[in-house]
Amino acid sequence: MNKQEQIDKLKTAEERYTFSIGPRGQYIISQALYLGIQRLKEVEPAHMREESNIKDMEYLAELYHMYFDIADSLKGIKEVNDG
């Protein structure tokens, strides 16, 4: 890899990092964690469930909680409308 390719690669990594710490990036990461956790919890049989991955994702969700907050709010609205 030549020097320009290395510079371009670092620039791309910096752009991705900047995106990931911004509101849109945090939302996307949060949504991915939320959906991933939900799907992993559904795995059957239970002994095939990757519990350590679920726990790690829940740990990360403490940093990226935006989608969890939205999903919880929408659940509350659905329960009120369904009740």
PDB file of N, CA and C in Angstrom:
ATOM      1  N   MET A   1       0.859  -1.171   0.000  1.00  0.00           N
ATOM      2  CA  MET A   1       0.000   0.000   0.000  1.00  0.00           C
ATOM      3  C   MET A   1       0.907   1.236   0.000  1.00  0.00           C
ATOM      4  N   ASN A   2       0.637   2.132  -0.954  1.00  0.00           N
ATOM      5  CA  ASN A   2       1.464   3.335  -1.020  1.00  0.00           C
ATOM      6  C   ASN A   2       0.998   4.384  -0.013  1.00  0.00           C
ATOM      7  N   LYS A   3       1.752   5.456   0.088  1.00  0.00           N
ATOM      8  CA  LYS A   3       1.466   6.479   1.093  1.00  0.00           C
ATOM      9  C   LYS A   3       0.080   7.107   0.895  1.00  0.00           C
ATOM     10  N   GLN A   4      -0.306   7.395  -0.350  1.00  0.00           N
ATOM     11  CA  GLN A   4      -1.617   7.995  -0.608  1.00  0.00           C
ATOM     12  C   GLN A   4      -2.745   7.056  -0.218  1.00  0.00           C
ATOM     13  N   GLU A   5      -2.581   5.757  -0.492  1.00  0.00           N
ATOM     14  CA  GLU A   5      -3.594   4.776  -0.097  1.00  0.00           C
ATOM     15  C   GLU A   5      -3.733   4.705   1.424  1.00  0.00           C
ATOM     16  N   GLN A   6      -2.605   4.816   2.129  1.00  0.00           N
ATOM     17  CA  GLN A   6      -2.643   4.824   3.594  1.00  0.00           C
ATOM     18  C   GLN A   6      -3.372   6.056   4.116  1.00  0.00           C
ATOM     19  N   ILE A   7      -3.098   7.205   3.500  1.00  0.00           N
ATOM     20  CA  ILE A   7      -3.765   8.453   3.885  1.00  0.00           C
ATOM     21  C   ILE A   7      -5.258   8.343   3.634  1.00  0.00           C
ATOM     22  N   ASP A   8      -5.626   7.814   2.455  1.00  0.00           N
ATOM     23  CA  ASP A   8      -7.044   7.648   2.115  1.00  0.00           C
ATOM     24  C   ASP A   8      -7.741   6.696   3.096  1.00  0.00           C
ATOM     25  N   LYS A   9      -7.052   5.619   3.464  1.00  0.00           N
ATOM     26  CA  LYS A   9      -7.627   4.657   4.399  1.00  0.00           C
ATOM     27  C   LYS A   9      -7.847   5.301   5.770  1.00  0.00           C
ATOM     28  N   LEU A  10      -6.896   6.071   6.238  1.00  0.00           N
ATOM     29  CA  LEU A  10      -7.048   6.773   7.517  1.00  0.00           C
ATOM     30  C   LEU A  10      -8.172   7.794   7.459  1.00  0.00           C
ATOM     31  N   LYS A  11      -8.286   8.490   6.327  1.00  0.00           N
ATOM     32  CA  LYS A  11      -9.348   9.475   6.168  1.00  0.00           C
ATOM     33  C   LYS A  11     -10.712   8.791   6.229  1.00  0.00           C
ATOM     34  N   THR A  12     -10.828   7.653   5.564  1.00  0.00           N
ATOM     35  CA  THR A  12     -12.076   6.909   5.579  1.00  0.00           C
ATOM     36  C   THR A  12     -12.392   6.437   6.996  1.00  0.00           C
ATOM     37  N   ALA A  13     -11.396   5.946   7.711  1.00  0.00           N
ATOM     38  CA  ALA A  13     -11.605   5.496   9.094  1.00  0.00           C
ATOM     39  C   ALA A  13     -12.046   6.669   9.965  1.00  0.00           C
ATOM     40  N   GLU A  14     -11.446   7.829   9.764  1.00  0.00           N
ATOM     41  CA  GLU A  14     -11.814   9.018  10.532  1.00  0.00           C
ATOM     42  C   GLU A  14     -13.250   9.438  10.219  1.00  0.00           C
ATOM     43  N   GLU A  15     -13.631   9.388   8.949  1.00  0.00           N
ATOM     44  CA  GLU A  15     -15.005   9.726   8.558  1.00  0.00           C
ATOM     45  C   GLU A  15     -16.005   8.772   9.203  1.00  0.00           C
ATOM     46  N   ARG A  16     -15.672   7.487   9.228  1.00  0.00           N
ATOM     47  CA  ARG A  16     -16.562   6.492   9.845  1.00  0.00           C
ATOM     48  C   ARG A  16     -16.675   6.733  11.342  1.00  0.00           C
ATOM     49  N   TYR A  17     -15.546   7.047  11.977  1.00  0.00           N
ATOM     50  CA  TYR A  17     -15.574   7.329  13.409  1.00  0.00           C
ATOM     51  C   TYR A  17     -16.428   8.565  13.683  1.00  0.00           C
ATOM     52  N   THR A  18     -16.223   9.614  12.907  1.00  0.00           N
ATOM     53  CA  THR A  18     -16.999  10.843  13.081  1.00  0.00           C
ATOM     54  C   THR A  18     -18.484  10.566  12.913  1.00  0.00           C
ATOM     55  N   PHE A  19     -18.831   9.777  11.913  1.00  0.00           N
ATOM     56  CA  PHE A  19     -20.232   9.394  11.709  1.00  0.00           C
ATOM     57  C   PHE A  19     -20.760   8.618  12.912  1.00  0.00           C
ATOM     58  N   SER A  20     -19.964   7.684  13.427  1.00  0.00           N
ATOM     59  CA  SER A  20     -20.429   6.814  14.511  1.00  0.00           C
ATOM     60  C   SER A  20     -20.690   7.565  15.808  1.00  0.00           C
ATOM     61  N   ILE A  21     -20.032   8.692  16.020  1.00  0.00           N
ATOM     62  CA  ILE A  21     -20.260   9.441  17.260  1.00  0.00           C
ATOM     63  C   ILE A  21     -21.300  10.544  17.095  1.00  0.00           C
ATOM     64  N   GLY A  22     -21.746  10.749  15.879  1.00  0.00           N
ATOM     65  CA  GLY A  22     -22.790  11.736  15.617  1.00  0.00           C
ATOM     66  C   GLY A  22     -24.162  11.150  15.874  1.00  0.00           C
ATOM     67  N   PRO A  23     -25.206  11.983  15.859  1.00  0.00           N
ATOM     68  CA  PRO A  23     -26.555  11.510  16.168  1.00  0.00           C
ATOM     69  C   PRO A  23     -27.049  10.420  15.217  1.00  0.00           C
ATOM     70  N   ARG A  24     -26.809  10.555  13.931  1.00  0.00           N
ATOM     71  CA  ARG A  24     -27.281   9.535  12.977  1.00  0.00           C
ATOM     72  C   ARG A  24     -26.551   8.212  13.192  1.00  0.00           C
ATOM     73  N   GLY A  25     -25.260   8.264  13.370  1.00  0.00           N
ATOM     74  CA  GLY A  25     -24.488   7.048  13.609  1.00  0.00           C
ATOM     75  C   GLY A  25     -24.899   6.367  14.895  1.00  0.00           C
ATOM     76  N   GLN A  26     -25.115   7.144  15.947  1.00  0.00           N
ATOM     77  CA  GLN A  26     -25.541   6.560  17.213  1.00  0.00           C
ATOM     78  C   GLN A  26     -26.916   5.909  17.077  1.00  0.00           C
ATOM     79  N   TYR A  27     -27.790   6.534  16.313  1.00  0.00           N
ATOM     80  CA  TYR A  27     -29.123   5.957  16.080  1.00  0.00           C
ATOM     81  C   TYR A  27     -29.003   4.614  15.355  1.00  0.00           C
ATOM     82  N   ILE A  28     -28.187   4.561  14.314  1.00  0.00           N
ATOM     83  CA  ILE A  28     -28.029   3.335  13.517  1.00  0.00           C
ATOM     84  C   ILE A  28     -27.413   2.223  14.368  1.00  0.00           C
ATOM     85  N   ILE A  29     -26.379   2.549  15.132  1.00  0.00           N
ATOM     86  CA  ILE A  29     -25.752   1.551  16.004  1.00  0.00           C
ATOM     87  C   ILE A  29     -26.757   1.061  17.038  1.00  0.00           C
ATOM     88  N   SER A  30     -27.512   1.987  17.612  1.00  0.00           N
ATOM     89  CA  SER A  30     -28.512   1.641  18.602  1.00  0.00           C
ATOM     90  C   SER A  30     -29.577   0.718  18.018  1.00  0.00           C
ATOM     91  N   GLN A  31     -30.036   1.036  16.826  1.00  0.00           N
ATOM     92  CA  GLN A  31     -31.041   0.199  16.167  1.00  0.00           C
ATOM     93  C   GLN A  31     -30.489  -1.198  15.894  1.00  0.00           C
ATOM     94  N   ALA A  32     -29.262  -1.273  15.426  1.00  0.00           N
ATOM     95  CA  ALA A  32     -28.645  -2.573  15.150  1.00  0.00           C
ATOM     96  C   ALA A  32     -28.519  -3.399  16.425  1.00  0.00           C
ATOM     97  N   LEU A  33     -28.124  -2.758  17.520  1.00  0.00           N
ATOM     98  CA  LEU A  33     -28.027  -3.462  18.796  1.00  0.00           C
ATOM     99  C   LEU A  33     -29.402  -3.942  19.259  1.00  0.00           C
ATOM    100  N   TYR A  34     -30.385  -3.077  19.176  1.00  0.00           N
ATOM    101  CA  TYR A  34     -31.747  -3.427  19.612  1.00  0.00           C
ATOM    102  C   TYR A  34     -32.268  -4.641  18.837  1.00  0.00           C
ATOM    103  N   LEU A  35     -32.193  -4.558  17.519  1.00  0.00           N
ATOM    104  CA  LEU A  35     -32.709  -5.642  16.694  1.00  0.00           C
ATOM    105  C   LEU A  35     -31.890  -6.918  16.863  1.00  0.00           C
ATOM    106  N   GLY A  36     -30.575  -6.765  16.988  1.00  0.00           N
ATOM    107  CA  GLY A  36     -29.714  -7.922  17.198  1.00  0.00           C
ATOM    108  C   GLY A  36     -30.033  -8.629  18.500  1.00  0.00           C
ATOM    109  N   ILE A  37     -30.199  -7.863  19.567  1.00  0.00           N
ATOM    110  CA  ILE A  37     -30.532  -8.441  20.869  1.00  0.00           C
ATOM    111  C   ILE A  37     -31.863  -9.172  20.793  1.00  0.00           C
ATOM    112  N   GLN A  38     -32.852  -8.534  20.177  1.00  0.00           N
ATOM    113  CA  GLN A  38     -34.173  -9.173  20.070  1.00  0.00           C
ATOM    114  C   GLN A  38     -34.082 -10.501  19.337  1.00  0.00           C
ATOM    115  N   ARG A  39     -33.370 -10.508  18.229  1.00  0.00           N
ATOM    116  CA  ARG A  39     -33.264 -11.749  17.430  1.00  0.00           C
ATOM    117  C   ARG A  39     -32.479 -12.828  18.160  1.00  0.00           C
ATOM    118  N   LEU A  40     -31.391 -12.451  18.808  1.00  0.00           N
ATOM    119  CA  LEU A  40     -30.588 -13.441  19.522  1.00  0.00           C
ATOM    120  C   LEU A  40     -31.364 -14.050  20.684  1.00  0.00           C
ATOM    121  N   LYS A  41     -32.221 -13.258  21.321  1.00  0.00           N
ATOM    122  CA  LYS A  41     -33.029 -13.783  22.420  1.00  0.00           C
ATOM    123  C   LYS A  41     -34.083 -14.773  21.939  1.00  0.00           C
ATOM    124  N   GLU A  42     -34.415 -14.739  20.658  1.00  0.00           N
ATOM    125  CA  GLU A  42     -35.425 -15.637  20.081  1.00  0.00           C
ATOM    126  C   GLU A  42     -34.857 -16.983  19.641  1.00  0.00           C
ATOM    127  N   VAL A  43     -33.541 -17.114  19.647  1.00  0.00           N
ATOM    128  CA  VAL A  43     -32.917 -18.340  19.149  1.00  0.00           C
ATOM    129  C   VAL A  43     -33.363 -19.539  19.984  1.00  0.00           C
ATOM    130  N   GLU A  44     -33.804 -20.565  19.301  1.00  0.00           N
ATOM    131  CA  GLU A  44     -34.209 -21.835  19.924  1.00  0.00           C
ATOM    132  C   GLU A  44     -33.468 -22.951  19.222  1.00  0.00           C
ATOM    133  N   PRO A  45     -33.109 -23.961  19.937  1.00  0.00           N
ATOM    134  CA  PRO A  45     -33.270 -24.195  21.358  1.00  0.00           C
ATOM    135  C   PRO A  45     -32.374 -23.270  22.188  1.00  0.00           C
ATOM    136  N   ALA A  46     -32.756 -23.104  23.431  1.00  0.00           N
ATOM    137  CA  ALA A  46     -32.098 -22.132  24.309  1.00  0.00           C
ATOM    138  C   ALA A  46     -30.597 -22.371  24.438  1.00  0.00           C
ATOM    139  N   HIS A  47     -30.163 -23.609  24.389  1.00  0.00           N
ATOM    140  CA  HIS A  47     -28.725 -23.873  24.545  1.00  0.00           C
ATOM    141  C   HIS A  47     -27.912 -23.378  23.344  1.00  0.00           C
ATOM    142  N   MET A  48     -28.577 -23.021  22.265  1.00  0.00           N
ATOM    143  CA  MET A  48     -27.904 -22.462  21.087  1.00  0.00           C
ATOM    144  C   MET A  48     -27.811 -20.937  21.142  1.00  0.00           C
ATOM    145  N   ARG A  49     -28.485 -20.333  22.101  1.00  0.00           N
ATOM    146  CA  ARG A  49     -28.504 -18.883  22.265  1.00  0.00           C
ATOM    147  C   ARG A  49     -27.120 -18.397  22.689  1.00  0.00           C
ATOM    148  N   GLU A  50     -26.660 -17.364  22.092  1.00  0.00           N
ATOM    149  CA  GLU A  50     -25.344 -16.808  22.418  1.00  0.00           C
ATOM    150  C   GLU A  50     -25.491 -15.765  23.532  1.00  0.00           C
ATOM    151  N   GLU A  51     -25.620 -16.263  24.757  1.00  0.00           N
ATOM    152  CA  GLU A  51     -25.896 -15.394  25.905  1.00  0.00           C
ATOM    153  C   GLU A  51     -24.794 -14.361  26.133  1.00  0.00           C
ATOM    154  N   SER A  52     -23.539 -14.747  25.936  1.00  0.00           N
ATOM    155  CA  SER A  52     -22.451 -13.786  26.165  1.00  0.00           C
ATOM    156  C   SER A  52     -22.510 -12.643  25.145  1.00  0.00           C
ATOM    157  N   ASN A  53     -22.905 -12.961  23.920  1.00  0.00           N
ATOM    158  CA  ASN A  53     -23.055 -11.906  22.913  1.00  0.00           C
ATOM    159  C   ASN A  53     -24.209 -10.978  23.275  1.00  0.00           C
ATOM    160  N   ILE A  54     -25.292 -11.552  23.753  1.00  0.00           N
ATOM    161  CA  ILE A  54     -26.442 -10.739  24.178  1.00  0.00           C
ATOM    162  C   ILE A  54     -26.016  -9.801  25.301  1.00  0.00           C
ATOM    163  N   LYS A  55     -25.300 -10.330  26.283  1.00  0.00           N
ATOM    164  CA  LYS A  55     -24.845  -9.506  27.410  1.00  0.00           C
ATOM    165  C   LYS A  55     -23.912  -8.398  26.936  1.00  0.00           C
ATOM    166  N   ASP A  56     -23.007  -8.712  26.021  1.00  0.00           N
ATOM    167  CA  ASP A  56     -22.094  -7.687  25.496  1.00  0.00           C
ATOM    168  C   ASP A  56     -22.850  -6.616  24.722  1.00  0.00           C
ATOM    169  N   MET A  57     -23.845  -7.036  23.948  1.00  0.00           N
ATOM    170  CA  MET A  57     -24.651  -6.071  23.199  1.00  0.00           C
ATOM    171  C   MET A  57     -25.460  -5.193  24.151  1.00  0.00           C
ATOM    172  N   GLU A  58     -25.995  -5.783  25.209  1.00  0.00           N
ATOM    173  CA  GLU A  58     -26.732  -4.993  26.202  1.00  0.00           C
ATOM    174  C   GLU A  58     -25.806  -4.000  26.899  1.00  0.00           C
ATOM    175  N   TYR A  59     -24.569  -4.401  27.125  1.00  0.00           N
ATOM    176  CA  TYR A  59     -23.569  -3.506  27.715  1.00  0.00           C
ATOM    177  C   TYR A  59     -23.325  -2.315  26.783  1.00  0.00           C
ATOM    178  N   LEU A  60     -23.145  -2.587  25.500  1.00  0.00           N
ATOM    179  CA  LEU A  60     -22.940  -1.501  24.527  1.00  0.00           C
ATOM    180  C   LEU A  60     -24.179  -0.624  24.409  1.00  0.00           C
ATOM    181  N   ALA A  61     -25.344  -1.218  24.585  1.00  0.00           N
ATOM    182  CA  ALA A  61     -26.595  -0.464  24.477  1.00  0.00           C
ATOM    183  C   ALA A  61     -26.695   0.626  25.544  1.00  0.00           C
ATOM    184  N   GLU A  62     -25.940   0.488  26.626  1.00  0.00           N
ATOM    185  CA  GLU A  62     -25.910   1.544  27.631  1.00  0.00           C
ATOM    186  C   GLU A  62     -25.308   2.823  27.050  1.00  0.00           C
ATOM    187  N   LEU A  63     -24.426   2.686  26.091  1.00  0.00           N
ATOM    188  CA  LEU A  63     -23.848   3.850  25.406  1.00  0.00           C
ATOM    189  C   LEU A  63     -24.722   4.311  24.248  1.00  0.00           C
ATOM    190  N   TYR A  64     -25.335   3.351  23.574  1.00  0.00           N
ATOM    191  CA  TYR A  64     -26.136   3.630  22.387  1.00  0.00           C
ATOM    192  C   TYR A  64     -27.585   3.267  22.688  1.00  0.00           C
ATOM    193  N   HIS A  65     -28.278   4.090  23.402  1.00  0.00           N
ATOM    194  CA  HIS A  65     -29.616   3.768  23.897  1.00  0.00           C
ATOM    195  C   HIS A  65     -30.745   4.448  23.128  1.00  0.00           C
ATOM    196  N   MET A  66     -30.423   5.285  22.163  1.00  0.00           N
ATOM    197  CA  MET A  66     -31.433   6.101  21.492  1.00  0.00           C
ATOM    198  C   MET A  66     -32.595   5.263  20.942  1.00  0.00           C
ATOM    199  N   TYR A  67     -32.300   4.219  20.193  1.00  0.00           N
ATOM    200  CA  TYR A  67     -33.365   3.418  19.582  1.00  0.00           C
ATOM    201  C   TYR A  67     -34.155   2.672  20.647  1.00  0.00           C
ATOM    202  N   PHE A  68     -33.494   2.251  21.718  1.00  0.00           N
ATOM    203  CA  PHE A  68     -34.178   1.561  22.814  1.00  0.00           C
ATOM    204  C   PHE A  68     -35.227   2.476  23.421  1.00  0.00           C
ATOM    205  N   ASP A  69     -34.859   3.751  23.613  1.00  0.00           N
ATOM    206  CA  ASP A  69     -35.808   4.725  24.168  1.00  0.00           C
ATOM    207  C   ASP A  69     -37.014   4.893  23.252  1.00  0.00           C
ATOM    208  N   ILE A  70     -36.768   4.985  21.964  1.00  0.00           N
ATOM    209  CA  ILE A  70     -37.848   5.149  20.982  1.00  0.00           C
ATOM    210  C   ILE A  70     -38.733   3.899  20.963  1.00  0.00           C
ATOM    211  N   ALA A  71     -38.116   2.720  20.918  1.00  0.00           N
ATOM    212  CA  ALA A  71     -38.874   1.467  20.868  1.00  0.00           C
ATOM    213  C   ALA A  71     -39.733   1.311  22.125  1.00  0.00           C
ATOM    214  N   ASP A  72     -39.176   1.654  23.287  1.00  0.00           N
ATOM    215  CA  ASP A  72     -39.946   1.570  24.531  1.00  0.00           C
ATOM    216  C   ASP A  72     -41.137   2.516  24.494  1.00  0.00           C
ATOM    217  N   SER A  73     -40.936   3.710  23.969  1.00  0.00           N
ATOM    218  CA  SER A  73     -42.037   4.670  23.856  1.00  0.00           C
ATOM    219  C   SER A  73     -43.119   4.145  22.927  1.00  0.00           C
ATOM    220  N   LEU A  74     -42.711   3.565  21.805  1.00  0.00           N
ATOM    221  CA  LEU A  74     -43.687   3.043  20.844  1.00  0.00           C
ATOM    222  C   LEU A  74     -44.441   1.851  21.428  1.00  0.00           C
ATOM    223  N   LYS A  75     -43.762   1.016  22.211  1.00  0.00           N
ATOM    224  CA  LYS A  75     -44.449  -0.105  22.874  1.00  0.00           C
ATOM    225  C   LYS A  75     -45.533   0.420  23.805  1.00  0.00           C
ATOM    226  N   GLY A  76     -45.220   1.480  24.559  1.00  0.00           N
ATOM    227  CA  GLY A  76     -46.178   2.067  25.479  1.00  0.00           C
ATOM    228  C   GLY A  76     -47.394   2.592  24.748  1.00  0.00           C
ATOM    229  N   ILE A  77     -47.172   3.247  23.610  1.00  0.00           N
ATOM    230  CA  ILE A  77     -48.280   3.775  22.807  1.00  0.00           C
ATOM    231  C   ILE A  77     -49.118   2.620  22.265  1.00  0.00           C
ATOM    232  N   LYS A  78     -48.463   1.556  21.756  1.00  0.00           N
ATOM    233  CA  LYS A  78     -49.196   0.411  21.217  1.00  0.00           C
ATOM    234  C   LYS A  78     -50.040  -0.250  22.299  1.00  0.00           C
ATOM    235  N   GLU A  79     -49.483  -0.401  23.508  1.00  0.00           N
ATOM    236  CA  GLU A  79     -50.220  -1.044  24.600  1.00  0.00           C
ATOM    237  C   GLU A  79     -51.444  -0.220  24.984  1.00  0.00           C
ATOM    238  N   VAL A  80     -51.324   1.103  24.980  1.00  0.00           N
ATOM    239  CA  VAL A  80     -52.458   1.972  25.296  1.00  0.00           C
ATOM    240  C   VAL A  80     -53.526   1.845  24.226  1.00  0.00           C
ATOM    241  N   ASN A  81     -53.111   1.849  22.953  1.00  0.00           N
ATOM    242  CA  ASN A  81     -54.062   1.742  21.847  1.00  0.00           C
ATOM    243  C   ASN A  81     -54.705   0.365  21.764  1.00  0.00           C
ATOM    244  N   ASP A  82     -53.955  -0.681  22.120  1.00  0.00           N
ATOM    245  CA  ASP A  82     -54.496  -2.042  22.070  1.00  0.00           C
ATOM    246  C   ASP A  82     -55.378  -2.350  23.275  1.00  0.00           C
ATOM    247  N   GLY A  83     -55.141  -1.622  24.384  1.00  0.00           N
ATOM    248  CA  GLY A  83     -55.863  -1.915  25.628  1.00  0.00           C
ATOM    249  C   GLY A  83     -57.234  -1.401  25.622  1.00  0.00           C
TER     250      GLY A  83
END
